[in-house]
Amino acid sequence: MKTVTREKLIDVICESGDGEGREAISNNTDFVEVPMDSLDIMAAFQAVEDAFGASIPDEVMPELRNLQDLVAYLGTQDISVT
């Protein structure tokens, strides 16, 4: 199982967009409440896939509404977020 830190995961998400919004992301913050539009959110998921070797199918993306959902999903991909 691969292990990544929560901070690294947030860095990857923020860096995929304009680099802002880091302080707005917490476990239960809905991604649409962060200063990211839908294209930024899709780019963030792509960046997570690239950075950690995960696979996030398009049909799963709408279910990943916040960081907690994403962490749980990454766990199904044998990626542990600490």
C-alpha atoms as a PDB file:
ATOM      1  CA  MET A   1       0.000   0.000   0.000  1.00  0.00           C
ATOM      2  CA  LYS A   2       1.300   3.433  -0.941  1.00  0.00           C
ATOM      3  CA  THR A   3       1.173   6.134   1.744  1.00  0.00           C
ATOM      4  CA  VAL A   4       0.914   9.885   1.150  1.00  0.00           C
ATOM      5  CA  THR A   5       0.355  12.744   3.554  1.00  0.00           C
ATOM      6  CA  ARG A   6      -2.872  14.727   3.635  1.00  0.00           C
ATOM      7  CA  GLU A   7      -0.778  17.879   3.107  1.00  0.00           C
ATOM      8  CA  LYS A   8       0.741  16.460  -0.088  1.00  0.00           C
ATOM      9  CA  LEU A   9      -2.723  15.512  -1.345  1.00  0.00           C
ATOM     10  CA  ILE A  10      -3.972  19.056  -0.711  1.00  0.00           C
ATOM     11  CA  ASP A  11      -0.858  20.472  -2.408  1.00  0.00           C
ATOM     12  CA  VAL A  12      -1.537  18.398  -5.529  1.00  0.00           C
ATOM     13  CA  ILE A  13      -5.178  19.501  -5.595  1.00  0.00           C
ATOM     14  CA  CYS A  14      -4.313  23.190  -5.204  1.00  0.00           C
ATOM     15  CA  GLU A  15      -1.381  23.169  -7.611  1.00  0.00           C
ATOM     16  CA  SER A  16      -3.572  21.718 -10.358  1.00  0.00           C
ATOM     17  CA  GLY A  17      -5.518  24.989 -10.425  1.00  0.00           C
ATOM     18  CA  ASP A  18      -4.296  28.465  -9.676  1.00  0.00           C
ATOM     19  CA  GLY A  19      -2.562  27.384  -6.478  1.00  0.00           C
ATOM     20  CA  GLU A  20      -5.077  29.092  -4.239  1.00  0.00           C
ATOM     21  CA  GLY A  21      -7.693  27.688  -1.906  1.00  0.00           C
ATOM     22  CA  ARG A  22      -5.388  25.600   0.264  1.00  0.00           C
ATOM     23  CA  GLU A  23      -6.706  27.142   3.470  1.00  0.00           C
ATOM     24  CA  ALA A  24     -10.285  26.500   2.315  1.00  0.00           C
ATOM     25  CA  ILE A  25      -9.824  22.730   1.978  1.00  0.00           C
ATOM     26  CA  SER A  26     -10.697  20.615   4.990  1.00  0.00           C
ATOM     27  CA  ASN A  27     -12.124  17.105   5.336  1.00  0.00           C
ATOM     28  CA  ASN A  28     -15.749  18.125   4.885  1.00  0.00           C
ATOM     29  CA  THR A  29     -15.446  21.201   2.680  1.00  0.00           C
ATOM     30  CA  ASP A  30     -17.317  20.549  -0.538  1.00  0.00           C
ATOM     31  CA  PHE A  31     -14.928  21.001  -3.461  1.00  0.00           C
ATOM     32  CA  VAL A  32     -17.396  23.401  -5.127  1.00  0.00           C
ATOM     33  CA  GLU A  33     -17.042  25.693  -2.077  1.00  0.00           C
ATOM     34  CA  VAL A  34     -13.305  26.017  -2.711  1.00  0.00           C
ATOM     35  CA  PRO A  35     -12.306  28.665  -5.269  1.00  0.00           C
ATOM     36  CA  MET A  36     -12.262  26.050  -8.066  1.00  0.00           C
ATOM     37  CA  ASP A  37     -14.639  25.676 -10.979  1.00  0.00           C
ATOM     38  CA  SER A  38     -15.706  22.310 -12.375  1.00  0.00           C
ATOM     39  CA  LEU A  39     -12.776  22.196 -14.817  1.00  0.00           C
ATOM     40  CA  ASP A  40     -10.357  22.897 -11.966  1.00  0.00           C
ATOM     41  CA  ILE A  41     -11.903  20.050  -9.974  1.00  0.00           C
ATOM     42  CA  MET A  42     -11.518  17.649 -12.911  1.00  0.00           C
ATOM     43  CA  ALA A  43      -7.910  18.823 -13.346  1.00  0.00           C
ATOM     44  CA  ALA A  44      -7.330  18.230  -9.621  1.00  0.00           C
ATOM     45  CA  PHE A  45      -8.554  14.644  -9.890  1.00  0.00           C
ATOM     46  CA  GLN A  46      -6.312  14.121 -12.935  1.00  0.00           C
ATOM     47  CA  ALA A  47      -3.369  15.535 -10.988  1.00  0.00           C
ATOM     48  CA  VAL A  48      -4.129  13.157  -8.102  1.00  0.00           C
ATOM     49  CA  GLU A  49      -4.210  10.255 -10.564  1.00  0.00           C
ATOM     50  CA  ASP A  50      -0.863  11.300 -12.033  1.00  0.00           C
ATOM     51  CA  ALA A  51       0.836  12.045  -8.717  1.00  0.00           C
ATOM     52  CA  PHE A  52      -0.248   8.933  -6.839  1.00  0.00           C
ATOM     53  CA  GLY A  53      -0.963   6.339  -9.516  1.00  0.00           C
ATOM     54  CA  ALA A  54      -4.671   6.251  -8.754  1.00  0.00           C
ATOM     55  CA  SER A  55      -7.495   5.649 -11.195  1.00  0.00           C
ATOM     56  CA  ILE A  56     -10.564   7.864 -10.762  1.00  0.00           C
ATOM     57  CA  PRO A  57     -13.159   6.980 -13.411  1.00  0.00           C
ATOM     58  CA  ASP A  58     -15.383   9.783 -14.702  1.00  0.00           C
ATOM     59  CA  GLU A  59     -18.472   8.141 -13.226  1.00  0.00           C
ATOM     60  CA  VAL A  60     -16.896   8.175  -9.738  1.00  0.00           C
ATOM     61  CA  MET A  61     -15.841  11.842  -9.778  1.00  0.00           C
ATOM     62  CA  PRO A  62     -19.295  13.279  -8.897  1.00  0.00           C
ATOM     63  CA  GLU A  63     -19.362  11.106  -5.765  1.00  0.00           C
ATOM     64  CA  LEU A  64     -16.081  12.624  -4.518  1.00  0.00           C
ATOM     65  CA  ARG A  65     -17.519  15.805  -3.071  1.00  0.00           C
ATOM     66  CA  ASN A  66     -14.863  16.586  -0.459  1.00  0.00           C
ATOM     67  CA  LEU A  67     -11.421  15.620   0.794  1.00  0.00           C
ATOM     68  CA  GLN A  68     -12.825  12.944   3.089  1.00  0.00           C
ATOM     69  CA  ASP A  69     -14.578  11.267   0.128  1.00  0.00           C
ATOM     70  CA  LEU A  70     -11.392  11.444  -1.927  1.00  0.00           C
ATOM     71  CA  VAL A  71      -9.280   9.970   0.890  1.00  0.00           C
ATOM     72  CA  ALA A  72     -11.776   7.115   1.296  1.00  0.00           C
ATOM     73  CA  TYR A  73     -11.748   6.434  -2.443  1.00  0.00           C
ATOM     74  CA  LEU A  74      -7.945   6.470  -2.592  1.00  0.00           C
ATOM     75  CA  GLY A  75      -8.045   3.800   0.107  1.00  0.00           C
ATOM     76  CA  THR A  76      -9.834   1.539  -2.408  1.00  0.00           C
ATOM     77  CA  GLN A  77      -6.859   2.124  -4.703  1.00  0.00           C
ATOM     78  CA  ASP A  78      -4.365   0.914  -2.067  1.00  0.00           C
ATOM     79  CA  ILE A  79      -3.288   4.474  -1.292  1.00  0.00           C
ATOM     80  CA  SER A  80      -3.284   5.412   2.380  1.00  0.00           C
ATOM     81  CA  VAL A  81      -3.523   9.100   3.288  1.00  0.00           C
ATOM     82  CA  THR A  82      -2.102   9.976   6.689  1.00  0.00           C
END
